[in-house]
Structures are given as structure tokens and as C-alpha cells.
Amino acid sequence: MIIFFFHLSFLLKIYKNDETREKLQKFFDFSVRQIELSIREIGYGDATINKKMKEYVNLLFSIIDKIDKWEIKDNTEKISIFKFYIQDFQNYEDYVDYFEKYRIFLSKNSFKNLSKDILSL
């Protein structure tokens, strides 16, 4: 789930200046709704679902806050972000490399290109 949240955070960060707030909000709402549906399919009750969703949304906003100004952070700072969220992993540099490539990929593609099928649903 944490890896998904990093992906979603970078996507929202990259497109926040290029897309309307309404489109990004719609995409965010869709993503959160899908997470909630997945939790329901597991069989959790309503109280547990509400608790889990609150935890997940807080985690997502925490990641969004930490990756702010990602471009000007050095690798040590980036690694410390991953260490904070992902414990017991040895090659945090792999995450830094991967998400730097992902950030560049997003910046070279339009939000519409990546989300056209989702937003039309």
C-alpha cells in the first residue's frame, strides 16, 4: 500500500500545477474509493473500514508532505524518506532511482494520457 501511495503522491505532485483542481480531486476520490472497496471485499466491518481509511488517508497526506520539493532534496534526504516508511529494506537507493525515473516519466506525459479511461468511468 505504501508503494502505491508513493506513486499516487508523485502523480498528484507532478500534475497539481498542470491540471484543474477538480480533475485531480476526482482522481484522488476515485483512488480512495477503490481502496475502500478493496478493504470491504476483504470482509472488514464498517467501524474497521473507517479506522483503516483514516489511517490510510493520513499516511498518504504524510507522504505527499514529505515528497514536497523532491527535486531539490539530495539523495540522503530521499533515502531517509523511504527509511521512514519502509523498514527492513537494504537498497533504499533503488527506490530513489525508481521514483526519480517515475517522476520524469510523469513529467513527460500528460495527466489526460494516463487517466483518460479512469476519469471517463
PDB file of N, CA and C in Angstrom:
ATOM      1  N   MET A   1       0.826  -1.185   0.000  1.00  0.00           N
ATOM      2  CA  MET A   1       0.000   0.000   0.000  1.00  0.00           C
ATOM      3  C   MET A   1       0.878   1.260   0.000  1.00  0.00           C
ATOM      4  N   ILE A   2       1.980   1.188   0.736  1.00  0.00           N
ATOM      5  CA  ILE A   2       2.866   2.349   0.821  1.00  0.00           C
ATOM      6  C   ILE A   2       3.452   2.678  -0.550  1.00  0.00           C
ATOM      7  N   ILE A   3       3.824   1.665  -1.298  1.00  0.00           N
ATOM      8  CA  ILE A   3       4.377   1.901  -2.636  1.00  0.00           C
ATOM      9  C   ILE A   3       3.328   2.552  -3.531  1.00  0.00           C
ATOM     10  N   PHE A   4       2.089   2.092  -3.436  1.00  0.00           N
ATOM     11  CA  PHE A   4       1.008   2.721  -4.193  1.00  0.00           C
ATOM     12  C   PHE A   4       0.860   4.188  -3.794  1.00  0.00           C
ATOM     13  N   PHE A   5       0.927   4.467  -2.496  1.00  0.00           N
ATOM     14  CA  PHE A   5       0.792   5.847  -2.022  1.00  0.00           C
ATOM     15  C   PHE A   5       1.925   6.731  -2.530  1.00  0.00           C
ATOM     16  N   PHE A   6       3.121   6.183  -2.641  1.00  0.00           N
ATOM     17  CA  PHE A   6       4.210   6.966  -3.221  1.00  0.00           C
ATOM     18  C   PHE A   6       3.916   7.287  -4.687  1.00  0.00           C
ATOM     19  N   HIS A   7       3.430   6.304  -5.417  1.00  0.00           N
ATOM     20  CA  HIS A   7       3.070   6.545  -6.819  1.00  0.00           C
ATOM     21  C   HIS A   7       1.989   7.621  -6.934  1.00  0.00           C
ATOM     22  N   LEU A   8       0.951   7.479  -6.152  1.00  0.00           N
ATOM     23  CA  LEU A   8      -0.145   8.446  -6.181  1.00  0.00           C
ATOM     24  C   LEU A   8       0.336   9.836  -5.768  1.00  0.00           C
ATOM     25  N   SER A   9       1.193   9.900  -4.780  1.00  0.00           N
ATOM     26  CA  SER A   9       1.724  11.185  -4.315  1.00  0.00           C
ATOM     27  C   SER A   9       2.521  11.887  -5.403  1.00  0.00           C
ATOM     28  N   PHE A  10       3.372  11.152  -6.079  1.00  0.00           N
ATOM     29  CA  PHE A  10       4.144  11.760  -7.163  1.00  0.00           C
ATOM     30  C   PHE A  10       3.237  12.211  -8.300  1.00  0.00           C
ATOM     31  N   LEU A  11       2.248  11.396  -8.609  1.00  0.00           N
ATOM     32  CA  LEU A  11       1.317  11.770  -9.667  1.00  0.00           C
ATOM     33  C   LEU A  11       0.597  13.081  -9.317  1.00  0.00           C
ATOM     34  N   LEU A  12       0.075  13.170  -8.120  1.00  0.00           N
ATOM     35  CA  LEU A  12      -0.627  14.389  -7.696  1.00  0.00           C
ATOM     36  C   LEU A  12       0.320  15.585  -7.653  1.00  0.00           C
ATOM     37  N   LYS A  13       1.540  15.353  -7.203  1.00  0.00           N
ATOM     38  CA  LYS A  13       2.528  16.437  -7.120  1.00  0.00           C
ATOM     39  C   LYS A  13       2.892  16.979  -8.506  1.00  0.00           C
ATOM     40  N   ILE A  14       3.142  16.087  -9.430  1.00  0.00           N
ATOM     41  CA  ILE A  14       3.575  16.495 -10.769  1.00  0.00           C
ATOM     42  C   ILE A  14       2.471  17.263 -11.492  1.00  0.00           C
ATOM     43  N   TYR A  15       1.242  16.812 -11.348  1.00  0.00           N
ATOM     44  CA  TYR A  15       0.161  17.406 -12.136  1.00  0.00           C
ATOM     45  C   TYR A  15      -0.624  18.499 -11.413  1.00  0.00           C
ATOM     46  N   LYS A  16      -0.254  18.825 -10.189  1.00  0.00           N
ATOM     47  CA  LYS A  16      -1.035  19.823  -9.441  1.00  0.00           C
ATOM     48  C   LYS A  16      -1.017  21.203 -10.100  1.00  0.00           C
ATOM     49  N   ASN A  17       0.031  21.521 -10.826  1.00  0.00           N
ATOM     50  CA  ASN A  17       0.104  22.828 -11.491  1.00  0.00           C
ATOM     51  C   ASN A  17      -0.408  22.792 -12.929  1.00  0.00           C
ATOM     52  N   ASP A  18      -0.533  21.600 -13.475  1.00  0.00           N
ATOM     53  CA  ASP A  18      -0.923  21.470 -14.884  1.00  0.00           C
ATOM     54  C   ASP A  18      -2.399  21.159 -15.090  1.00  0.00           C
ATOM     55  N   GLU A  19      -3.019  20.571 -14.085  1.00  0.00           N
ATOM     56  CA  GLU A  19      -4.407  20.140 -14.217  1.00  0.00           C
ATOM     57  C   GLU A  19      -5.306  20.928 -13.274  1.00  0.00           C
ATOM     58  N   THR A  20      -6.583  20.885 -13.579  1.00  0.00           N
ATOM     59  CA  THR A  20      -7.532  21.580 -12.714  1.00  0.00           C
ATOM     60  C   THR A  20      -7.656  20.837 -11.388  1.00  0.00           C
ATOM     61  N   ARG A  21      -7.970  21.593 -10.391  1.00  0.00           N
ATOM     62  CA  ARG A  21      -8.155  21.017  -9.061  1.00  0.00           C
ATOM     63  C   ARG A  21      -9.287  19.987  -9.085  1.00  0.00           C
ATOM     64  N   GLU A  22     -10.302  20.265  -9.875  1.00  0.00           N
ATOM     65  CA  GLU A  22     -11.447  19.363  -9.980  1.00  0.00           C
ATOM     66  C   GLU A  22     -11.045  17.990 -10.527  1.00  0.00           C
ATOM     67  N   LYS A  23     -10.224  17.972 -11.576  1.00  0.00           N
ATOM     68  CA  LYS A  23      -9.792  16.694 -12.153  1.00  0.00           C
ATOM     69  C   LYS A  23      -8.960  15.895 -11.164  1.00  0.00           C
ATOM     70  N   LEU A  24      -8.027  16.574 -10.502  1.00  0.00           N
ATOM     71  CA  LEU A  24      -7.177  15.870  -9.550  1.00  0.00           C
ATOM     72  C   LEU A  24      -7.987  15.383  -8.345  1.00  0.00           C
ATOM     73  N   GLN A  25      -8.955  16.177  -7.924  1.00  0.00           N
ATOM     74  CA  GLN A  25      -9.804  15.759  -6.812  1.00  0.00           C
ATOM     75  C   GLN A  25     -10.629  14.539  -7.198  1.00  0.00           C
ATOM     76  N   LYS A  26     -11.134  14.541  -8.416  1.00  0.00           N
ATOM     77  CA  LYS A  26     -11.916  13.412  -8.918  1.00  0.00           C
ATOM     78  C   LYS A  26     -11.050  12.144  -8.958  1.00  0.00           C
ATOM     79  N   PHE A  27      -9.818  12.289  -9.413  1.00  0.00           N
ATOM     80  CA  PHE A  27      -8.891  11.164  -9.467  1.00  0.00           C
ATOM     81  C   PHE A  27      -8.556  10.671  -8.055  1.00  0.00           C
ATOM     82  N   PHE A  28      -8.286  11.598  -7.149  1.00  0.00           N
ATOM     83  CA  PHE A  28      -7.993  11.249  -5.764  1.00  0.00           C
ATOM     84  C   PHE A  28      -9.174  10.514  -5.133  1.00  0.00           C
ATOM     85  N   ASP A  29     -10.372  11.048  -5.323  1.00  0.00           N
ATOM     86  CA  ASP A  29     -11.579  10.424  -4.763  1.00  0.00           C
ATOM     87  C   ASP A  29     -11.778   9.015  -5.315  1.00  0.00           C
ATOM     88  N   PHE A  30     -11.535   8.859  -6.608  1.00  0.00           N
ATOM     89  CA  PHE A  30     -11.661   7.538  -7.227  1.00  0.00           C
ATOM     90  C   PHE A  30     -10.668   6.559  -6.599  1.00  0.00           C
ATOM     91  N   SER A  31      -9.435   6.994  -6.415  1.00  0.00           N
ATOM     92  CA  SER A  31      -8.398   6.132  -5.831  1.00  0.00           C
ATOM     93  C   SER A  31      -8.765   5.715  -4.412  1.00  0.00           C
ATOM     94  N   VAL A  32      -9.196   6.676  -3.606  1.00  0.00           N
ATOM     95  CA  VAL A  32      -9.575   6.382  -2.222  1.00  0.00           C
ATOM     96  C   VAL A  32     -10.788   5.455  -2.186  1.00  0.00           C
ATOM     97  N   ARG A  33     -11.736   5.682  -3.064  1.00  0.00           N
ATOM     98  CA  ARG A  33     -12.926   4.826  -3.132  1.00  0.00           C
ATOM     99  C   ARG A  33     -12.538   3.383  -3.484  1.00  0.00           C
ATOM    100  N   GLN A  34     -11.583   3.215  -4.391  1.00  0.00           N
ATOM    101  CA  GLN A  34     -11.141   1.873  -4.759  1.00  0.00           C
ATOM    102  C   GLN A  34     -10.444   1.173  -3.597  1.00  0.00           C
ATOM    103  N   ILE A  35      -9.683   1.924  -2.824  1.00  0.00           N
ATOM    104  CA  ILE A  35      -9.043   1.341  -1.639  1.00  0.00           C
ATOM    105  C   ILE A  35     -10.113   0.889  -0.647  1.00  0.00           C
ATOM    106  N   GLU A  36     -11.097   1.739  -0.433  1.00  0.00           N
ATOM    107  CA  GLU A  36     -12.187   1.394   0.489  1.00  0.00           C
ATOM    108  C   GLU A  36     -12.925   0.141   0.014  1.00  0.00           C
ATOM    109  N   LEU A  37     -13.208   0.059  -1.274  1.00  0.00           N
ATOM    110  CA  LEU A  37     -13.896  -1.128  -1.805  1.00  0.00           C
ATOM    111  C   LEU A  37     -13.056  -2.384  -1.613  1.00  0.00           C
ATOM    112  N   SER A  38     -11.754  -2.263  -1.778  1.00  0.00           N
ATOM    113  CA  SER A  38     -10.861  -3.411  -1.575  1.00  0.00           C
ATOM    114  C   SER A  38     -10.884  -3.873  -0.130  1.00  0.00           C
ATOM    115  N   ILE A  39     -10.912  -2.917   0.791  1.00  0.00           N
ATOM    116  CA  ILE A  39     -10.975  -3.275   2.211  1.00  0.00           C
ATOM    117  C   ILE A  39     -12.306  -3.959   2.516  1.00  0.00           C
ATOM    118  N   ARG A  40     -13.376  -3.458   1.929  1.00  0.00           N
ATOM    119  CA  ARG A  40     -14.687  -4.086   2.144  1.00  0.00           C
ATOM    120  C   ARG A  40     -14.707  -5.522   1.622  1.00  0.00           C
ATOM    121  N   GLU A  41     -14.068  -5.748   0.472  1.00  0.00           N
ATOM    122  CA  GLU A  41     -14.034  -7.091  -0.109  1.00  0.00           C
ATOM    123  C   GLU A  41     -13.296  -8.082   0.785  1.00  0.00           C
ATOM    124  N   ILE A  42     -12.342  -7.583   1.559  1.00  0.00           N
ATOM    125  CA  ILE A  42     -11.617  -8.456   2.483  1.00  0.00           C
ATOM    126  C   ILE A  42     -12.567  -8.958   3.569  1.00  0.00           C
ATOM    127  N   GLY A  43     -13.570  -8.132   3.888  1.00  0.00           N
ATOM    128  CA  GLY A  43     -14.563  -8.558   4.860  1.00  0.00           C
ATOM    129  C   GLY A  43     -14.559  -7.781   6.163  1.00  0.00           C
ATOM    130  N   TYR A  44     -13.848  -6.690   6.211  1.00  0.00           N
ATOM    131  CA  TYR A  44     -13.843  -5.872   7.430  1.00  0.00           C
ATOM    132  C   TYR A  44     -15.206  -5.216   7.638  1.00  0.00           C
ATOM    133  N   GLY A  45     -15.529  -4.944   8.898  1.00  0.00           N
ATOM    134  CA  GLY A  45     -16.775  -4.260   9.228  1.00  0.00           C
ATOM    135  C   GLY A  45     -16.635  -2.759   9.026  1.00  0.00           C
ATOM    136  N   ASP A  46     -17.762  -2.050   9.111  1.00  0.00           N
ATOM    137  CA  ASP A  46     -17.774  -0.610   8.862  1.00  0.00           C
ATOM    138  C   ASP A  46     -16.855   0.166   9.800  1.00  0.00           C
ATOM    139  N   ALA A  47     -16.851  -0.182  11.077  1.00  0.00           N
ATOM    140  CA  ALA A  47     -16.001   0.543  12.035  1.00  0.00           C
ATOM    141  C   ALA A  47     -14.526   0.366  11.694  1.00  0.00           C
ATOM    142  N   THR A  48     -14.140  -0.835  11.344  1.00  0.00           N
ATOM    143  CA  THR A  48     -12.750  -1.110  10.978  1.00  0.00           C
ATOM    144  C   THR A  48     -12.387  -0.407   9.678  1.00  0.00           C
ATOM    145  N   ILE A  49     -13.305  -0.409   8.737  1.00  0.00           N
ATOM    146  CA  ILE A  49     -13.061   0.260   7.457  1.00  0.00           C
ATOM    147  C   ILE A  49     -12.823   1.745   7.684  1.00  0.00           C
ATOM    148  N   ASN A  50     -13.659   2.373   8.492  1.00  0.00           N
ATOM    149  CA  ASN A  50     -13.488   3.800   8.767  1.00  0.00           C
ATOM    150  C   ASN A  50     -12.146   4.081   9.425  1.00  0.00           C
ATOM    151  N   LYS A  51     -11.758   3.227  10.373  1.00  0.00           N
ATOM    152  CA  LYS A  51     -10.471   3.401  11.055  1.00  0.00           C
ATOM    153  C   LYS A  51      -9.316   3.240  10.071  1.00  0.00           C
ATOM    154  N   LYS A  52      -9.373   2.177   9.267  1.00  0.00           N
ATOM    155  CA  LYS A  52      -8.306   1.922   8.283  1.00  0.00           C
ATOM    156  C   LYS A  52      -8.213   3.057   7.269  1.00  0.00           C
ATOM    157  N   MET A  53      -9.356   3.527   6.772  1.00  0.00           N
ATOM    158  CA  MET A  53      -9.344   4.598   5.773  1.00  0.00           C
ATOM    159  C   MET A  53      -8.744   5.881   6.350  1.00  0.00           C
ATOM    160  N   LYS A  54      -9.051   6.163   7.589  1.00  0.00           N
ATOM    161  CA  LYS A  54      -8.465   7.337   8.229  1.00  0.00           C
ATOM    162  C   LYS A  54      -6.949   7.191   8.311  1.00  0.00           C
ATOM    163  N   GLU A  55      -6.484   6.010   8.696  1.00  0.00           N
ATOM    164  CA  GLU A  55      -5.045   5.747   8.763  1.00  0.00           C
ATOM    165  C   GLU A  55      -4.398   5.882   7.378  1.00  0.00           C
ATOM    166  N   TYR A  56      -5.051   5.306   6.368  1.00  0.00           N
ATOM    167  CA  TYR A  56      -4.501   5.354   5.013  1.00  0.00           C
ATOM    168  C   TYR A  56      -4.444   6.770   4.462  1.00  0.00           C
ATOM    169  N   VAL A  57      -5.500   7.519   4.655  1.00  0.00           N
ATOM    170  CA  VAL A  57      -5.523   8.892   4.136  1.00  0.00           C
ATOM    171  C   VAL A  57      -4.471   9.741   4.854  1.00  0.00           C
ATOM    172  N   ASN A  58      -4.327   9.559   6.158  1.00  0.00           N
ATOM    173  CA  ASN A  58      -3.281  10.288   6.897  1.00  0.00           C
ATOM    174  C   ASN A  58      -1.897   9.898   6.405  1.00  0.00           C
ATOM    175  N   LEU A  59      -1.694   8.618   6.135  1.00  0.00           N
ATOM    176  CA  LEU A  59      -0.413   8.152   5.598  1.00  0.00           C
ATOM    177  C   LEU A  59      -0.145   8.773   4.229  1.00  0.00           C
ATOM    178  N   LEU A  60      -1.147   8.788   3.380  1.00  0.00           N
ATOM    179  CA  LEU A  60      -0.995   9.377   2.049  1.00  0.00           C
ATOM    180  C   LEU A  60      -0.625  10.856   2.147  1.00  0.00           C
ATOM    181  N   PHE A  61      -1.323  11.608   2.984  1.00  0.00           N
ATOM    182  CA  PHE A  61      -1.011  13.030   3.124  1.00  0.00           C
ATOM    183  C   PHE A  61       0.378  13.245   3.726  1.00  0.00           C
ATOM    184  N   SER A  62       0.787  12.349   4.593  1.00  0.00           N
ATOM    185  CA  SER A  62       2.134  12.424   5.158  1.00  0.00           C
ATOM    186  C   SER A  62       3.188  12.244   4.061  1.00  0.00           C
ATOM    187  N   ILE A  63       2.963  11.274   3.180  1.00  0.00           N
ATOM    188  CA  ILE A  63       3.902  11.037   2.072  1.00  0.00           C
ATOM    189  C   ILE A  63       3.911  12.235   1.124  1.00  0.00           C
ATOM    190  N   ILE A  64       2.739  12.755   0.809  1.00  0.00           N
ATOM    191  CA  ILE A  64       2.663  13.935  -0.065  1.00  0.00           C
ATOM    192  C   ILE A  64       3.472  15.080   0.534  1.00  0.00           C
ATOM    193  N   ASP A  65       3.351  15.273   1.834  1.00  0.00           N
ATOM    194  CA  ASP A  65       4.092  16.337   2.503  1.00  0.00           C
ATOM    195  C   ASP A  65       5.602  16.093   2.445  1.00  0.00           C
ATOM    196  N   LYS A  66       6.026  14.848   2.633  1.00  0.00           N
ATOM    197  CA  LYS A  66       7.460  14.527   2.650  1.00  0.00           C
ATOM    198  C   LYS A  66       8.111  14.659   1.276  1.00  0.00           C
ATOM    199  N   ILE A  67       7.371  14.399   0.209  1.00  0.00           N
ATOM    200  CA  ILE A  67       7.996  14.471  -1.113  1.00  0.00           C
ATOM    201  C   ILE A  67       7.908  15.864  -1.729  1.00  0.00           C
ATOM    202  N   ASP A  68       7.315  16.791  -1.000  1.00  0.00           N
ATOM    203  CA  ASP A  68       7.297  18.169  -1.473  1.00  0.00           C
ATOM    204  C   ASP A  68       8.737  18.642  -1.654  1.00  0.00           C
ATOM    205  N   LYS A  69       8.991  19.330  -2.728  1.00  0.00           N
ATOM    206  CA  LYS A  69      10.337  19.817  -3.069  1.00  0.00           C
ATOM    207  C   LYS A  69      11.331  18.658  -3.273  1.00  0.00           C
ATOM    208  N   TRP A  70      10.821  17.557  -3.779  1.00  0.00           N
ATOM    209  CA  TRP A  70      11.630  16.361  -4.042  1.00  0.00           C
ATOM    210  C   TRP A  70      12.839  16.693  -4.913  1.00  0.00           C
ATOM    211  N   GLU A  71      12.627  17.544  -5.890  1.00  0.00           N
ATOM    212  CA  GLU A  71      13.673  17.846  -6.863  1.00  0.00           C
ATOM    213  C   GLU A  71      14.899  18.490  -6.231  1.00  0.00           C
ATOM    214  N   ILE A  72      14.718  19.207  -5.136  1.00  0.00           N
ATOM    215  CA  ILE A  72      15.870  19.899  -4.536  1.00  0.00           C
ATOM    216  C   ILE A  72      16.461  19.129  -3.353  1.00  0.00           C
ATOM    217  N   LYS A  73      15.874  18.008  -3.004  1.00  0.00           N
ATOM    218  CA  LYS A  73      16.417  17.189  -1.924  1.00  0.00           C
ATOM    219  C   LYS A  73      17.593  16.381  -2.452  1.00  0.00           C
ATOM    220  N   ASP A  74      18.585  16.178  -1.599  1.00  0.00           N
ATOM    221  CA  ASP A  74      19.684  15.314  -2.017  1.00  0.00           C
ATOM    222  C   ASP A  74      19.312  13.856  -1.745  1.00  0.00           C
ATOM    223  N   ASN A  75      20.141  12.949  -2.228  1.00  0.00           N
ATOM    224  CA  ASN A  75      19.818  11.519  -2.116  1.00  0.00           C
ATOM    225  C   ASN A  75      19.716  11.057  -0.668  1.00  0.00           C
ATOM    226  N   THR A  76      20.492  11.642   0.210  1.00  0.00           N
ATOM    227  CA  THR A  76      20.427  11.267   1.625  1.00  0.00           C
ATOM    228  C   THR A  76      19.052  11.582   2.207  1.00  0.00           C
ATOM    229  N   GLU A  77      18.515  12.745   1.869  1.00  0.00           N
ATOM    230  CA  GLU A  77      17.173  13.119   2.334  1.00  0.00           C
ATOM    231  C   GLU A  77      16.114  12.198   1.733  1.00  0.00           C
ATOM    232  N   LYS A  78      16.273  11.881   0.456  1.00  0.00           N
ATOM    233  CA  LYS A  78      15.314  10.998  -0.206  1.00  0.00           C
ATOM    234  C   LYS A  78      15.333   9.604   0.410  1.00  0.00           C
ATOM    235  N   ILE A  79      16.528   9.110   0.685  1.00  0.00           N
ATOM    236  CA  ILE A  79      16.658   7.790   1.312  1.00  0.00           C
ATOM    237  C   ILE A  79      16.011   7.801   2.696  1.00  0.00           C
ATOM    238  N   SER A  80      16.194   8.885   3.437  1.00  0.00           N
ATOM    239  CA  SER A  80      15.608   8.954   4.783  1.00  0.00           C
ATOM    240  C   SER A  80      14.074   8.928   4.723  1.00  0.00           C
ATOM    241  N   ILE A  81      13.498   9.482   3.667  1.00  0.00           N
ATOM    242  CA  ILE A  81      12.039   9.422   3.495  1.00  0.00           C
ATOM    243  C   ILE A  81      11.598   7.968   3.344  1.00  0.00           C
ATOM    244  N   PHE A  82      12.284   7.227   2.496  1.00  0.00           N
ATOM    245  CA  PHE A  82      11.924   5.821   2.301  1.00  0.00           C
ATOM    246  C   PHE A  82      12.169   5.000   3.567  1.00  0.00           C
ATOM    247  N   LYS A  83      13.252   5.294   4.283  1.00  0.00           N
ATOM    248  CA  LYS A  83      13.526   4.578   5.532  1.00  0.00           C
ATOM    249  C   LYS A  83      12.427   4.823   6.563  1.00  0.00           C
ATOM    250  N   PHE A  84      11.862   6.007   6.549  1.00  0.00           N
ATOM    251  CA  PHE A  84      10.802   6.334   7.492  1.00  0.00           C
ATOM    252  C   PHE A  84       9.558   5.483   7.258  1.00  0.00           C
ATOM    253  N   TYR A  85       9.248   5.222   5.994  1.00  0.00           N
ATOM    254  CA  TYR A  85       8.014   4.499   5.657  1.00  0.00           C
ATOM    255  C   TYR A  85       8.216   3.003   5.425  1.00  0.00           C
ATOM    256  N   ILE A  86       9.404   2.622   5.013  1.00  0.00           N
ATOM    257  CA  ILE A  86       9.661   1.218   4.666  1.00  0.00           C
ATOM    258  C   ILE A  86      10.840   0.743   5.509  1.00  0.00           C
ATOM    259  N   GLN A  87      10.556  -0.106   6.467  1.00  0.00           N
ATOM    260  CA  GLN A  87      11.613  -0.614   7.324  1.00  0.00           C
ATOM    261  C   GLN A  87      12.125  -1.955   6.795  1.00  0.00           C
ATOM    262  N   ASP A  88      13.271  -2.337   7.286  1.00  0.00           N
ATOM    263  CA  ASP A  88      13.882  -3.628   6.964  1.00  0.00           C
ATOM    264  C   ASP A  88      14.112  -3.834   5.470  1.00  0.00           C
ATOM    265  N   PHE A  89      14.615  -2.813   4.835  1.00  0.00           N
ATOM    266  CA  PHE A  89      14.977  -2.924   3.428  1.00  0.00           C
ATOM    267  C   PHE A  89      16.400  -2.435   3.306  1.00  0.00           C
ATOM    268  N   GLN A  90      17.166  -2.995   2.400  1.00  0.00           N
ATOM    269  CA  GLN A  90      18.577  -2.648   2.346  1.00  0.00           C
ATOM    270  C   GLN A  90      18.934  -1.666   1.234  1.00  0.00           C
ATOM    271  N   ASN A  91      18.284  -1.754   0.106  1.00  0.00           N
ATOM    272  CA  ASN A  91      18.670  -0.931  -1.041  1.00  0.00           C
ATOM    273  C   ASN A  91      17.699   0.217  -1.271  1.00  0.00           C
ATOM    274  N   TYR A  92      17.712   1.157  -0.365  1.00  0.00           N
ATOM    275  CA  TYR A  92      16.821   2.312  -0.492  1.00  0.00           C
ATOM    276  C   TYR A  92      17.181   3.148  -1.722  1.00  0.00           C
ATOM    277  N   GLU A  93      18.415   3.048  -2.165  1.00  0.00           N
ATOM    278  CA  GLU A  93      18.828   3.761  -3.375  1.00  0.00           C
ATOM    279  C   GLU A  93      18.009   3.309  -4.580  1.00  0.00           C
ATOM    280  N   ASP A  94      17.595   2.038  -4.572  1.00  0.00           N
ATOM    281  CA  ASP A  94      16.761   1.520  -5.665  1.00  0.00           C
ATOM    282  C   ASP A  94      15.432   2.272  -5.730  1.00  0.00           C
ATOM    283  N   TYR A  95      14.855   2.546  -4.560  1.00  0.00           N
ATOM    284  CA  TYR A  95      13.612   3.322  -4.520  1.00  0.00           C
ATOM    285  C   TYR A  95      13.840   4.740  -5.034  1.00  0.00           C
ATOM    286  N   VAL A  96      14.941   5.333  -4.629  1.00  0.00           N
ATOM    287  CA  VAL A  96      15.248   6.696  -5.078  1.00  0.00           C
ATOM    288  C   VAL A  96      15.381   6.714  -6.590  1.00  0.00           C
ATOM    289  N   ASP A  97      16.125   5.780  -7.146  1.00  0.00           N
ATOM    290  CA  ASP A  97      16.294   5.710  -8.602  1.00  0.00           C
ATOM    291  C   ASP A  97      14.969   5.471  -9.309  1.00  0.00           C
ATOM    292  N   TYR A  98      14.202   4.517  -8.799  1.00  0.00           N
ATOM    293  CA  TYR A  98      12.933   4.187  -9.424  1.00  0.00           C
ATOM    294  C   TYR A  98      11.992   5.391  -9.432  1.00  0.00           C
ATOM    295  N   PHE A  99      11.821   6.033  -8.285  1.00  0.00           N
ATOM    296  CA  PHE A  99      10.866   7.134  -8.216  1.00  0.00           C
ATOM    297  C   PHE A  99      11.369   8.383  -8.929  1.00  0.00           C
ATOM    298  N   GLU A 100      12.648   8.519  -9.095  1.00  0.00           N
ATOM    299  CA  GLU A 100      13.159   9.618  -9.924  1.00  0.00           C
ATOM    300  C   GLU A 100      12.798   9.364 -11.389  1.00  0.00           C
ATOM    301  N   LYS A 101      12.939   8.133 -11.829  1.00  0.00           N
ATOM    302  CA  LYS A 101      12.533   7.777 -13.195  1.00  0.00           C
ATOM    303  C   LYS A 101      11.025   7.931 -13.372  1.00  0.00           C
ATOM    304  N   TYR A 102      10.280   7.536 -12.373  1.00  0.00           N
ATOM    305  CA  TYR A 102       8.818   7.678 -12.414  1.00  0.00           C
ATOM    306  C   TYR A 102       8.424   9.152 -12.490  1.00  0.00           C
ATOM    307  N   ARG A 103       9.070   9.994 -11.702  1.00  0.00           N
ATOM    308  CA  ARG A 103       8.802  11.437 -11.716  1.00  0.00           C
ATOM    309  C   ARG A 103       9.069  12.017 -13.109  1.00  0.00           C
ATOM    310  N   ILE A 104      10.159  11.621 -13.707  1.00  0.00           N
ATOM    311  CA  ILE A 104      10.499  12.094 -15.056  1.00  0.00           C
ATOM    312  C   ILE A 104       9.479  11.579 -16.068  1.00  0.00           C
ATOM    313  N   PHE A 105       9.091  10.312 -15.944  1.00  0.00           N
ATOM    314  CA  PHE A 105       8.071   9.745 -16.820  1.00  0.00           C
ATOM    315  C   PHE A 105       6.780  10.557 -16.735  1.00  0.00           C
ATOM    316  N   LEU A 106       6.340  10.859 -15.531  1.00  0.00           N
ATOM    317  CA  LEU A 106       5.114  11.639 -15.357  1.00  0.00           C
ATOM    318  C   LEU A 106       5.237  13.023 -15.968  1.00  0.00           C
ATOM    319  N   SER A 107       6.381  13.635 -15.801  1.00  0.00           N
ATOM    320  CA  SER A 107       6.558  14.990 -16.322  1.00  0.00           C
ATOM    321  C   SER A 107       6.577  15.032 -17.850  1.00  0.00           C
ATOM    322  N   LYS A 108       6.872  13.904 -18.471  1.00  0.00           N
ATOM    323  CA  LYS A 108       6.904  13.843 -19.932  1.00  0.00           C
ATOM    324  C   LYS A 108       5.573  13.391 -20.543  1.00  0.00           C
ATOM    325  N   ASN A 109       4.626  13.020 -19.697  1.00  0.00           N
ATOM    326  CA  ASN A 109       3.325  12.555 -20.170  1.00  0.00           C
ATOM    327  C   ASN A 109       2.230  13.406 -19.560  1.00  0.00           C
ATOM    328  N   SER A 110       1.144  13.518 -20.271  1.00  0.00           N
ATOM    329  CA  SER A 110       0.035  14.325 -19.757  1.00  0.00           C
ATOM    330  C   SER A 110      -0.828  13.496 -18.808  1.00  0.00           C
ATOM    331  N   PHE A 111      -1.471  14.194 -17.892  1.00  0.00           N
ATOM    332  CA  PHE A 111      -2.387  13.552 -16.960  1.00  0.00           C
ATOM    333  C   PHE A 111      -3.533  12.888 -17.716  1.00  0.00           C
ATOM    334  N   LYS A 112      -4.017  13.566 -18.724  1.00  0.00           N
ATOM    335  CA  LYS A 112      -5.124  13.028 -19.526  1.00  0.00           C
ATOM    336  C   LYS A 112      -4.718  11.711 -20.177  1.00  0.00           C
ATOM    337  N   ASN A 113      -3.506  11.659 -20.671  1.00  0.00           N
ATOM    338  CA  ASN A 113      -2.989  10.461 -21.308  1.00  0.00           C
ATOM    339  C   ASN A 113      -2.947   9.280 -20.336  1.00  0.00           C
ATOM    340  N   LEU A 114      -2.631   9.560 -19.086  1.00  0.00           N
ATOM    341  CA  LEU A 114      -2.505   8.496 -18.085  1.00  0.00           C
ATOM    342  C   LEU A 114      -3.816   8.117 -17.429  1.00  0.00           C
ATOM    343  N   SER A 115      -4.813   9.012 -17.475  1.00  0.00           N
ATOM    344  CA  SER A 115      -6.023   8.779 -16.706  1.00  0.00           C
ATOM    345  C   SER A 115      -7.304   8.798 -17.520  1.00  0.00           C
ATOM    346  N   LYS A 116      -7.215   8.840 -18.830  1.00  0.00           N
ATOM    347  CA  LYS A 116      -8.429   9.028 -19.645  1.00  0.00           C
ATOM    348  C   LYS A 116      -9.490   7.974 -19.395  1.00  0.00           C
ATOM    349  N   ASP A 117      -9.099   6.707 -19.239  1.00  0.00           N
ATOM    350  CA  ASP A 117     -10.098   5.669 -19.015  1.00  0.00           C
ATOM    351  C   ASP A 117     -10.695   5.757 -17.615  1.00  0.00           C
ATOM    352  N   ILE A 118      -9.887   6.120 -16.634  1.00  0.00           N
ATOM    353  CA  ILE A 118     -10.370   6.206 -15.262  1.00  0.00           C
ATOM    354  C   ILE A 118     -11.351   7.351 -15.110  1.00  0.00           C
ATOM    355  N   LEU A 119     -11.006   8.528 -15.623  1.00  0.00           N
ATOM    356  CA  LEU A 119     -11.875   9.689 -15.449  1.00  0.00           C
ATOM    357  C   LEU A 119     -13.170   9.570 -16.231  1.00  0.00           C
ATOM    358  N   SER A 120     -13.170   8.811 -17.297  1.00  0.00           N
ATOM    359  CA  SER A 120     -14.389   8.662 -18.071  1.00  0.00           C
ATOM    360  C   SER A 120     -15.379   7.702 -17.404  1.00  0.00           C
ATOM    361  N   LEU A 121     -14.898   6.893 -16.464  1.00  0.00           N
ATOM    362  CA  LEU A 121     -15.788   5.981 -15.738  1.00  0.00           C
ATOM    363  C   LEU A 121     -16.714   6.805 -14.867  1.00  0.00           C
TER     364      LEU A 121
END
